[in-house]
Amino acid sequence: MGWALTDDLEEFLARADGFLRGDPVANTVTLTVTEAMRAQGSGLYRNALFGWWTAGGDVQGTCMWTGTYPVLLSAMPEPAAPELADALAGRDADVQAVNATPTAAAGFAEAWERLTRTPGRVTMRQRLHRLAGLEPPDPPPDGAARVADGDDREMVHDWFAAFHRDAGGHGGPNPAVVDGRLAEGGITLWEAGGRPVAMAGRTPAVAGAARVAPVYTPAEHRRRGYGAAVTAAVTQGALDAGAADVVLFTELANPTSNGVYRRLGYRPVEDRVVLAFT
């Protein structure tokens, strides 16, 4: 019983893949990130750390820490989150943030503050949504969707960076991840007046679930329905590629985007919170 931590991706998946695939919607980030690392090489993220928590021989929780992103916790029994704080503190880990369900985040933060005297503060509240049935905008805005290609690379990288800044993300987007999305046809643009005005990305489906991320519209093109239109287009692309479930995250502080996604047919699954330790 307890946590096992490793920097070996294959060891982690050998132990935890069955647990993750048991709920591919809730575990979408861990599944898609580890699949990208398998496809593009384990060096896709530097200093990656993985872990699984067992009780009675069964995996009942996982964690993943990649690059500058917060430590990502799956759903887990109540004792697991504070035990993870103990395990990471024992490694002198410099944990800057954690992303978890509210209960797990609180359990980790309480233990982390006790161990390091570093309190946590909420920097973002998120909600995971799953598509119930796609309802595209009717009527759609002017323009049409197309899949981005290599000629769009510079703009796509700029827009990923702009999205990351607007969202207040930790660090910046991983250029290799962006290039991987481009290469697999996972980025859709909405064009109007002969130029791109919005962008939406999607991951390949893993265990049947694909995730829409990011969705970005430059400030000068907002409030014209382009974001909703490109989200509908990329969602349809995921369904056409065989995804059984399509999911996305929203920031609860942005009621506009939450309303847009609900109108497109997305419904809430669970809430998550990002805590920063400074």
C-alpha atoms as a PDB file:
ATOM      1  CA  MET A   1       0.000   0.000   0.000  1.00  0.00           C
ATOM      2  CA  GLY A   2       1.257   3.493  -0.835  1.00  0.00           C
ATOM      3  CA  TRP A   3       2.974   5.416  -3.614  1.00  0.00           C
ATOM      4  CA  ALA A   4       5.516   4.188  -6.140  1.00  0.00           C
ATOM      5  CA  LEU A   5       7.256   6.937  -8.110  1.00  0.00           C
ATOM      6  CA  THR A   6       9.265   6.557 -11.309  1.00  0.00           C
ATOM      7  CA  ASP A   7      10.651   8.515 -14.243  1.00  0.00           C
ATOM      8  CA  ASP A   8      10.187   5.453 -16.473  1.00  0.00           C
ATOM      9  CA  LEU A   9       7.128   5.934 -18.697  1.00  0.00           C
ATOM     10  CA  GLU A  10       6.826   2.274 -19.635  1.00  0.00           C
ATOM     11  CA  GLU A  11       7.039   1.152 -16.018  1.00  0.00           C
ATOM     12  CA  PHE A  12       4.281   3.588 -15.121  1.00  0.00           C
ATOM     13  CA  LEU A  13       2.005   2.424 -17.922  1.00  0.00           C
ATOM     14  CA  ALA A  14       2.673  -1.238 -17.171  1.00  0.00           C
ATOM     15  CA  ARG A  15       1.278  -0.683 -13.687  1.00  0.00           C
ATOM     16  CA  ALA A  16      -1.280   2.100 -14.133  1.00  0.00           C
ATOM     17  CA  ASP A  17      -2.603   1.893 -17.707  1.00  0.00           C
ATOM     18  CA  GLY A  18      -5.526  -0.332 -16.757  1.00  0.00           C
ATOM     19  CA  PHE A  19      -6.592   2.072 -14.012  1.00  0.00           C
ATOM     20  CA  LEU A  20      -6.358   5.060 -16.354  1.00  0.00           C
ATOM     21  CA  ARG A  21      -8.318   3.368 -19.126  1.00  0.00           C
ATOM     22  CA  GLY A  22     -11.022   2.414 -16.669  1.00  0.00           C
ATOM     23  CA  ASP A  23     -12.151   6.070 -16.800  1.00  0.00           C
ATOM     24  CA  PRO A  24     -10.726   7.589 -19.996  1.00  0.00           C
ATOM     25  CA  VAL A  25     -12.848  10.729 -19.672  1.00  0.00           C
ATOM     26  CA  ALA A  26     -11.605  11.753 -16.219  1.00  0.00           C
ATOM     27  CA  ASN A  27      -8.062  10.598 -17.037  1.00  0.00           C
ATOM     28  CA  THR A  28      -7.936  12.223 -20.471  1.00  0.00           C
ATOM     29  CA  VAL A  29      -4.874  14.384 -19.788  1.00  0.00           C
ATOM     30  CA  THR A  30      -2.682  11.614 -18.405  1.00  0.00           C
ATOM     31  CA  LEU A  31      -3.720   9.232 -21.178  1.00  0.00           C
ATOM     32  CA  THR A  32      -3.146  11.683 -24.019  1.00  0.00           C
ATOM     33  CA  VAL A  33       0.117  13.050 -22.643  1.00  0.00           C
ATOM     34  CA  THR A  34       1.598   9.594 -22.107  1.00  0.00           C
ATOM     35  CA  GLU A  35       0.408   8.520 -25.559  1.00  0.00           C
ATOM     36  CA  ALA A  36       2.153  11.564 -27.076  1.00  0.00           C
ATOM     37  CA  MET A  37       5.323  10.656 -25.190  1.00  0.00           C
ATOM     38  CA  ARG A  38       5.133   7.145 -26.580  1.00  0.00           C
ATOM     39  CA  ALA A  39       4.655   8.460 -30.116  1.00  0.00           C
ATOM     40  CA  GLN A  40       7.220  11.283 -30.015  1.00  0.00           C
ATOM     41  CA  GLY A  41       9.673   9.900 -27.463  1.00  0.00           C
ATOM     42  CA  SER A  42       9.840  10.003 -23.687  1.00  0.00           C
ATOM     43  CA  GLY A  43      12.025  13.125 -23.950  1.00  0.00           C
ATOM     44  CA  LEU A  44       8.987  15.123 -25.042  1.00  0.00           C
ATOM     45  CA  TYR A  45       8.806  16.421 -21.473  1.00  0.00           C
ATOM     46  CA  ARG A  46      11.956  16.894 -19.436  1.00  0.00           C
ATOM     47  CA  ASN A  47      12.205  15.520 -15.900  1.00  0.00           C
ATOM     48  CA  ALA A  48       8.850  13.767 -16.106  1.00  0.00           C
ATOM     49  CA  LEU A  49       7.761  11.912 -12.970  1.00  0.00           C
ATOM     50  CA  PHE A  50       4.930   9.416 -12.653  1.00  0.00           C
ATOM     51  CA  GLY A  51       3.367   7.607  -9.735  1.00  0.00           C
ATOM     52  CA  TRP A  52       0.679   5.144  -8.718  1.00  0.00           C
ATOM     53  CA  TRP A  53      -0.965   4.472  -5.368  1.00  0.00           C
ATOM     54  CA  THR A  54      -1.976   0.940  -4.509  1.00  0.00           C
ATOM     55  CA  ALA A  55      -4.141  -0.658  -1.837  1.00  0.00           C
ATOM     56  CA  GLY A  56      -4.686  -4.400  -1.663  1.00  0.00           C
ATOM     57  CA  GLY A  57      -2.524  -4.802  -4.756  1.00  0.00           C
ATOM     58  CA  ASP A  58      -4.791  -2.638  -6.949  1.00  0.00           C
ATOM     59  CA  VAL A  59      -3.892   0.753  -8.401  1.00  0.00           C
ATOM     60  CA  GLN A  60      -6.381   3.284  -7.037  1.00  0.00           C
ATOM     61  CA  GLY A  61      -4.748   6.585  -7.958  1.00  0.00           C
ATOM     62  CA  THR A  62      -2.037   8.150 -10.133  1.00  0.00           C
ATOM     63  CA  CYS A  63       0.018  11.296 -10.446  1.00  0.00           C
ATOM     64  CA  MET A  64       1.935  12.808 -13.357  1.00  0.00           C
ATOM     65  CA  TRP A  65       4.403  15.705 -13.287  1.00  0.00           C
ATOM     66  CA  THR A  66       5.663  16.947 -16.653  1.00  0.00           C
ATOM     67  CA  GLY A  67       7.888  19.936 -17.215  1.00  0.00           C
ATOM     68  CA  THR A  68       6.573  23.150 -15.705  1.00  0.00           C
ATOM     69  CA  TYR A  69       2.987  21.917 -15.446  1.00  0.00           C
ATOM     70  CA  PRO A  70       1.322  21.332 -12.068  1.00  0.00           C
ATOM     71  CA  VAL A  71       1.465  17.874 -10.545  1.00  0.00           C
ATOM     72  CA  LEU A  72      -1.648  16.199 -11.958  1.00  0.00           C
ATOM     73  CA  LEU A  73      -3.611  13.921  -9.627  1.00  0.00           C
ATOM     74  CA  SER A  74      -6.272  11.458 -10.695  1.00  0.00           C
ATOM     75  CA  ALA A  75      -9.242  10.595  -8.536  1.00  0.00           C
ATOM     76  CA  MET A  76      -7.938   8.711  -5.504  1.00  0.00           C
ATOM     77  CA  PRO A  77      -8.924   7.562  -2.009  1.00  0.00           C
ATOM     78  CA  GLU A  78      -8.690  10.202   0.709  1.00  0.00           C
ATOM     79  CA  PRO A  79      -5.377   9.049   2.275  1.00  0.00           C
ATOM     80  CA  ALA A  80      -3.527   9.031  -1.053  1.00  0.00           C
ATOM     81  CA  ALA A  81      -3.170  12.783  -1.645  1.00  0.00           C
ATOM     82  CA  PRO A  82      -1.459  13.642   1.681  1.00  0.00           C
ATOM     83  CA  GLU A  83       0.716  10.549   1.281  1.00  0.00           C
ATOM     84  CA  LEU A  84       1.827  11.869  -2.104  1.00  0.00           C
ATOM     85  CA  ALA A  85       2.834  15.146  -0.457  1.00  0.00           C
ATOM     86  CA  ASP A  86       4.914  13.126   2.010  1.00  0.00           C
ATOM     87  CA  ALA A  87       6.542  11.152  -0.807  1.00  0.00           C
ATOM     88  CA  LEU A  88       7.407  14.240  -2.874  1.00  0.00           C
ATOM     89  CA  ALA A  89       8.688  16.177   0.122  1.00  0.00           C
ATOM     90  CA  GLY A  90      10.885  13.184   0.920  1.00  0.00           C
ATOM     91  CA  ARG A  91      12.482  13.620  -2.512  1.00  0.00           C
ATOM     92  CA  ASP A  92      13.007  17.364  -1.907  1.00  0.00           C
ATOM     93  CA  ALA A  93      10.724  17.990  -4.882  1.00  0.00           C
ATOM     94  CA  ASP A  94      10.133  21.640  -5.762  1.00  0.00           C
ATOM     95  CA  VAL A  95       6.370  21.416  -6.260  1.00  0.00           C
ATOM     96  CA  GLN A  96       5.056  24.721  -7.590  1.00  0.00           C
ATOM     97  CA  ALA A  97       1.431  23.705  -8.189  1.00  0.00           C
ATOM     98  CA  VAL A  98      -1.006  20.804  -8.136  1.00  0.00           C
ATOM     99  CA  ASN A  99      -4.061  20.078 -10.312  1.00  0.00           C
ATOM    100  CA  ALA A 100      -6.665  17.806  -8.726  1.00  0.00           C
ATOM    101  CA  THR A 101     -10.265  17.401  -7.679  1.00  0.00           C
ATOM    102  CA  PRO A 102     -11.109  19.821  -4.852  1.00  0.00           C
ATOM    103  CA  THR A 103     -10.947  17.072  -2.209  1.00  0.00           C
ATOM    104  CA  ALA A 104      -7.605  15.676  -3.358  1.00  0.00           C
ATOM    105  CA  ALA A 105      -6.148  19.164  -3.821  1.00  0.00           C
ATOM    106  CA  ALA A 106      -7.132  20.128  -0.281  1.00  0.00           C
ATOM    107  CA  GLY A 107      -5.635  16.933   1.143  1.00  0.00           C
ATOM    108  CA  PHE A 108      -2.369  17.461  -0.717  1.00  0.00           C
ATOM    109  CA  ALA A 109      -2.178  21.161   0.177  1.00  0.00           C
ATOM    110  CA  GLU A 110      -2.783  20.601   3.881  1.00  0.00           C
ATOM    111  CA  ALA A 111       0.020  18.040   4.039  1.00  0.00           C
ATOM    112  CA  TRP A 112       2.357  20.109   1.841  1.00  0.00           C
ATOM    113  CA  GLU A 113       1.954  23.175   4.043  1.00  0.00           C
ATOM    114  CA  ARG A 114       2.640  21.078   7.139  1.00  0.00           C
ATOM    115  CA  LEU A 115       5.773  19.615   5.580  1.00  0.00           C
ATOM    116  CA  THR A 116       7.185  22.694   3.836  1.00  0.00           C
ATOM    117  CA  ARG A 117       5.448  25.636   5.520  1.00  0.00           C
ATOM    118  CA  THR A 118       4.341  26.684   2.048  1.00  0.00           C
ATOM    119  CA  PRO A 119       0.622  27.461   1.829  1.00  0.00           C
ATOM    120  CA  GLY A 120      -1.392  26.832  -1.296  1.00  0.00           C
ATOM    121  CA  ARG A 121      -3.630  29.325  -3.055  1.00  0.00           C
ATOM    122  CA  VAL A 122      -6.225  28.726  -5.742  1.00  0.00           C
ATOM    123  CA  THR A 123      -5.106  30.034  -9.128  1.00  0.00           C
ATOM    124  CA  MET A 124      -7.742  28.369 -11.315  1.00  0.00           C
ATOM    125  CA  ARG A 125     -10.988  26.462 -11.045  1.00  0.00           C
ATOM    126  CA  GLN A 126     -11.749  24.178 -13.970  1.00  0.00           C
ATOM    127  CA  ARG A 127     -14.651  22.038 -15.116  1.00  0.00           C
ATOM    128  CA  LEU A 128     -14.347  18.946 -17.294  1.00  0.00           C
ATOM    129  CA  HIS A 129     -17.124  18.561 -19.879  1.00  0.00           C
ATOM    130  CA  ARG A 130     -18.114  15.637 -22.106  1.00  0.00           C
ATOM    131  CA  LEU A 131     -20.012  15.903 -25.374  1.00  0.00           C
ATOM    132  CA  ALA A 132     -23.590  14.673 -25.049  1.00  0.00           C
ATOM    133  CA  GLY A 133     -24.508  15.414 -28.662  1.00  0.00           C
ATOM    134  CA  LEU A 134     -23.016  17.967 -31.019  1.00  0.00           C
ATOM    135  CA  GLU A 135     -25.206  20.991 -31.742  1.00  0.00           C
ATOM    136  CA  PRO A 136     -23.297  23.220 -34.215  1.00  0.00           C
ATOM    137  CA  PRO A 137     -24.073  26.950 -34.330  1.00  0.00           C
ATOM    138  CA  ASP A 138     -27.144  27.639 -36.437  1.00  0.00           C
ATOM    139  CA  PRO A 139     -26.679  29.798 -38.364  1.00  0.00           C
ATOM    140  CA  PRO A 140     -22.871  29.542 -38.438  1.00  0.00           C
ATOM    141  CA  PRO A 141     -20.747  32.663 -38.768  1.00  0.00           C
ATOM    142  CA  ASP A 142     -19.204  33.659 -42.068  1.00  0.00           C
ATOM    143  CA  GLY A 143     -16.361  31.468 -43.222  1.00  0.00           C
ATOM    144  CA  ALA A 144     -15.426  27.807 -43.108  1.00  0.00           C
ATOM    145  CA  ALA A 145     -13.195  25.363 -41.273  1.00  0.00           C
ATOM    146  CA  ARG A 146     -10.026  23.741 -42.565  1.00  0.00           C
ATOM    147  CA  VAL A 147      -7.288  21.601 -41.050  1.00  0.00           C
ATOM    148  CA  ALA A 148      -4.057  23.495 -40.406  1.00  0.00           C
ATOM    149  CA  ASP A 149      -0.911  22.372 -42.231  1.00  0.00           C
ATOM    150  CA  GLY A 150       2.793  23.135 -42.261  1.00  0.00           C
ATOM    151  CA  ASP A 151       2.267  26.516 -43.921  1.00  0.00           C
ATOM    152  CA  ASP A 152       0.379  27.618 -40.789  1.00  0.00           C
ATOM    153  CA  ARG A 153       3.124  26.556 -38.385  1.00  0.00           C
ATOM    154  CA  GLU A 154       4.415  29.991 -37.335  1.00  0.00           C
ATOM    155  CA  MET A 155       0.930  31.374 -36.743  1.00  0.00           C
ATOM    156  CA  VAL A 156      -0.189  28.254 -34.865  1.00  0.00           C
ATOM    157  CA  HIS A 157       2.814  28.453 -32.527  1.00  0.00           C
ATOM    158  CA  ASP A 158       2.083  32.159 -31.925  1.00  0.00           C
ATOM    159  CA  TRP A 159      -1.554  31.418 -31.155  1.00  0.00           C
ATOM    160  CA  PHE A 160      -0.696  28.567 -28.785  1.00  0.00           C
ATOM    161  CA  ALA A 161       1.598  30.948 -26.910  1.00  0.00           C
ATOM    162  CA  ALA A 162      -1.074  33.666 -26.834  1.00  0.00           C
ATOM    163  CA  PHE A 163      -3.650  31.205 -25.520  1.00  0.00           C
ATOM    164  CA  HIS A 164      -1.232  30.110 -22.812  1.00  0.00           C
ATOM    165  CA  ARG A 165      -0.609  33.710 -21.744  1.00  0.00           C
ATOM    166  CA  ASP A 166      -4.329  34.506 -21.668  1.00  0.00           C
ATOM    167  CA  ALA A 167      -5.048  31.389 -19.608  1.00  0.00           C
ATOM    168  CA  GLY A 168      -2.319  32.190 -17.093  1.00  0.00           C
ATOM    169  CA  GLY A 169      -0.633  28.831 -17.659  1.00  0.00           C
ATOM    170  CA  HIS A 170       2.544  27.626 -15.974  1.00  0.00           C
ATOM    171  CA  GLY A 171       5.574  27.991 -18.254  1.00  0.00           C
ATOM    172  CA  GLY A 172       4.771  27.973 -21.953  1.00  0.00           C
ATOM    173  CA  PRO A 173       3.480  25.563 -24.589  1.00  0.00           C
ATOM    174  CA  ASN A 174       5.798  22.741 -25.614  1.00  0.00           C
ATOM    175  CA  PRO A 175       6.827  23.407 -29.248  1.00  0.00           C
ATOM    176  CA  ALA A 176       7.286  19.690 -29.946  1.00  0.00           C
ATOM    177  CA  VAL A 177       3.743  18.994 -28.765  1.00  0.00           C
ATOM    178  CA  VAL A 178       2.386  21.717 -31.066  1.00  0.00           C
ATOM    179  CA  ASP A 179       4.337  20.299 -34.009  1.00  0.00           C
ATOM    180  CA  GLY A 180       3.002  16.838 -33.198  1.00  0.00           C
ATOM    181  CA  ARG A 181      -0.570  18.137 -33.285  1.00  0.00           C
ATOM    182  CA  LEU A 182       0.076  19.778 -36.647  1.00  0.00           C
ATOM    183  CA  ALA A 183       1.622  16.639 -38.098  1.00  0.00           C
ATOM    184  CA  GLU A 184      -1.343  14.460 -37.110  1.00  0.00           C
ATOM    185  CA  GLY A 185      -3.965  16.920 -38.401  1.00  0.00           C
ATOM    186  CA  GLY A 186      -5.098  17.802 -34.905  1.00  0.00           C
ATOM    187  CA  ILE A 187      -5.459  21.577 -35.365  1.00  0.00           C
ATOM    188  CA  THR A 188      -8.440  23.160 -37.104  1.00  0.00           C
ATOM    189  CA  LEU A 189      -8.688  26.779 -38.237  1.00  0.00           C
ATOM    190  CA  TRP A 190     -11.762  28.861 -38.991  1.00  0.00           C
ATOM    191  CA  GLU A 191     -11.211  31.165 -41.956  1.00  0.00           C
ATOM    192  CA  ALA A 192     -13.276  34.242 -42.802  1.00  0.00           C
ATOM    193  CA  GLY A 193     -12.498  36.882 -45.377  1.00  0.00           C
ATOM    194  CA  GLY A 194      -9.632  34.785 -46.671  1.00  0.00           C
ATOM    195  CA  ARG A 195      -7.670  34.572 -43.414  1.00  0.00           C
ATOM    196  CA  PRO A 196      -7.679  32.460 -40.196  1.00  0.00           C
ATOM    197  CA  VAL A 197      -9.682  34.039 -37.383  1.00  0.00           C
ATOM    198  CA  ALA A 198      -9.868  31.229 -34.794  1.00  0.00           C
ATOM    199  CA  MET A 199      -8.177  27.953 -33.902  1.00  0.00           C
ATOM    200  CA  ALA A 200      -9.049  24.755 -32.040  1.00  0.00           C
ATOM    201  CA  GLY A 201      -6.882  21.739 -31.365  1.00  0.00           C
ATOM    202  CA  ARG A 202      -7.684  18.160 -30.420  1.00  0.00           C
ATOM    203  CA  THR A 203      -5.768  15.154 -29.228  1.00  0.00           C
ATOM    204  CA  PRO A 204      -6.007  11.730 -30.841  1.00  0.00           C
ATOM    205  CA  ALA A 205      -8.509   9.463 -29.103  1.00  0.00           C
ATOM    206  CA  VAL A 206      -6.975   7.289 -26.387  1.00  0.00           C
ATOM    207  CA  ALA A 207      -9.201   4.563 -24.940  1.00  0.00           C
ATOM    208  CA  GLY A 208     -11.962   6.142 -27.047  1.00  0.00           C
ATOM    209  CA  ALA A 209     -11.698   9.676 -25.609  1.00  0.00           C
ATOM    210  CA  ALA A 210     -10.321  12.726 -27.463  1.00  0.00           C
ATOM    211  CA  ARG A 211      -9.810  16.122 -25.850  1.00  0.00           C
ATOM    212  CA  VAL A 212     -10.403  19.530 -27.443  1.00  0.00           C
ATOM    213  CA  ALA A 213      -7.584  21.921 -26.510  1.00  0.00           C
ATOM    214  CA  PRO A 214      -6.847  24.713 -26.941  1.00  0.00           C
ATOM    215  CA  VAL A 215      -9.559  26.955 -28.386  1.00  0.00           C
ATOM    216  CA  TYR A 216      -8.253  30.418 -29.254  1.00  0.00           C
ATOM    217  CA  THR A 217      -9.616  33.474 -31.031  1.00  0.00           C
ATOM    218  CA  PRO A 218      -7.428  36.601 -31.325  1.00  0.00           C
ATOM    219  CA  ALA A 219      -8.951  39.577 -29.538  1.00  0.00           C
ATOM    220  CA  GLU A 220      -9.805  41.450 -32.740  1.00  0.00           C
ATOM    221  CA  HIS A 221     -11.973  38.555 -33.975  1.00  0.00           C
ATOM    222  CA  ARG A 222     -13.904  37.758 -30.793  1.00  0.00           C
ATOM    223  CA  ARG A 223     -17.659  37.967 -30.217  1.00  0.00           C
ATOM    224  CA  ARG A 224     -18.455  36.930 -33.788  1.00  0.00           C
ATOM    225  CA  GLY A 225     -19.091  33.233 -33.194  1.00  0.00           C
ATOM    226  CA  TYR A 226     -15.798  32.036 -34.641  1.00  0.00           C
ATOM    227  CA  GLY A 227     -14.724  30.251 -31.459  1.00  0.00           C
ATOM    228  CA  ALA A 228     -17.960  28.274 -31.281  1.00  0.00           C
ATOM    229  CA  ALA A 229     -17.777  27.426 -34.976  1.00  0.00           C
ATOM    230  CA  VAL A 230     -14.191  26.145 -34.865  1.00  0.00           C
ATOM    231  CA  THR A 231     -14.938  24.165 -31.691  1.00  0.00           C
ATOM    232  CA  ALA A 232     -17.863  22.484 -33.418  1.00  0.00           C
ATOM    233  CA  ALA A 233     -15.665  21.733 -36.426  1.00  0.00           C
ATOM    234  CA  VAL A 234     -12.824  20.215 -34.406  1.00  0.00           C
ATOM    235  CA  THR A 235     -15.334  18.226 -32.348  1.00  0.00           C
ATOM    236  CA  GLN A 236     -16.848  16.792 -35.514  1.00  0.00           C
ATOM    237  CA  GLY A 237     -13.337  15.970 -36.683  1.00  0.00           C
ATOM    238  CA  ALA A 238     -12.716  13.981 -33.500  1.00  0.00           C
ATOM    239  CA  LEU A 239     -15.988  12.082 -33.961  1.00  0.00           C
ATOM    240  CA  ASP A 240     -15.179  11.382 -37.614  1.00  0.00           C
ATOM    241  CA  ALA A 241     -11.782  10.034 -36.532  1.00  0.00           C
ATOM    242  CA  GLY A 242     -13.524   7.485 -34.311  1.00  0.00           C
ATOM    243  CA  ALA A 243     -13.678   9.082 -30.859  1.00  0.00           C
ATOM    244  CA  ALA A 244     -16.428   7.633 -28.690  1.00  0.00           C
ATOM    245  CA  ASP A 245     -16.166  10.555 -26.259  1.00  0.00           C
ATOM    246  CA  VAL A 246     -15.024  14.131 -26.824  1.00  0.00           C
ATOM    247  CA  VAL A 247     -14.130  16.203 -23.777  1.00  0.00           C
ATOM    248  CA  LEU A 248     -12.814  19.647 -22.918  1.00  0.00           C
ATOM    249  CA  PHE A 249     -11.946  21.757 -19.900  1.00  0.00           C
ATOM    250  CA  THR A 250     -13.266  25.225 -19.154  1.00  0.00           C
ATOM    251  CA  GLU A 251     -12.202  27.827 -16.638  1.00  0.00           C
ATOM    252  CA  LEU A 252     -15.125  28.488 -14.314  1.00  0.00           C
ATOM    253  CA  ALA A 253     -14.188  32.162 -14.094  1.00  0.00           C
ATOM    254  CA  ASN A 254     -15.158  32.548 -17.767  1.00  0.00           C
ATOM    255  CA  PRO A 255     -18.963  32.259 -17.987  1.00  0.00           C
ATOM    256  CA  THR A 256     -18.943  33.162 -21.691  1.00  0.00           C
ATOM    257  CA  SER A 257     -16.956  30.105 -22.780  1.00  0.00           C
ATOM    258  CA  ASN A 258     -18.913  27.843 -20.429  1.00  0.00           C
ATOM    259  CA  GLY A 259     -22.133  29.024 -22.052  1.00  0.00           C
ATOM    260  CA  VAL A 260     -20.738  28.513 -25.552  1.00  0.00           C
ATOM    261  CA  TYR A 261     -19.733  24.924 -24.866  1.00  0.00           C
ATOM    262  CA  ARG A 262     -23.065  24.099 -23.264  1.00  0.00           C
ATOM    263  CA  ARG A 263     -24.863  25.344 -26.366  1.00  0.00           C
ATOM    264  CA  LEU A 264     -22.613  23.111 -28.480  1.00  0.00           C
ATOM    265  CA  GLY A 265     -23.744  20.080 -26.485  1.00  0.00           C
ATOM    266  CA  TYR A 266     -21.053  19.682 -23.818  1.00  0.00           C
ATOM    267  CA  ARG A 267     -22.163  18.732 -20.305  1.00  0.00           C
ATOM    268  CA  PRO A 268     -20.272  18.911 -16.950  1.00  0.00           C
ATOM    269  CA  VAL A 269     -18.472  15.825 -15.626  1.00  0.00           C
ATOM    270  CA  GLU A 270     -16.342  17.008 -12.698  1.00  0.00           C
ATOM    271  CA  ASP A 271     -14.641  20.067 -11.254  1.00  0.00           C
ATOM    272  CA  ARG A 272     -10.920  20.482 -10.660  1.00  0.00           C
ATOM    273  CA  VAL A 273      -8.780  23.096  -8.973  1.00  0.00           C
ATOM    274  CA  VAL A 274      -5.225  24.306  -9.514  1.00  0.00           C
ATOM    275  CA  LEU A 275      -3.359  25.287  -6.343  1.00  0.00           C
ATOM    276  CA  ALA A 276      -0.052  27.164  -6.453  1.00  0.00           C
ATOM    277  CA  PHE A 277       2.539  26.967  -3.671  1.00  0.00           C
ATOM    278  CA  THR A 278       4.605  30.123  -3.289  1.00  0.00           C
END
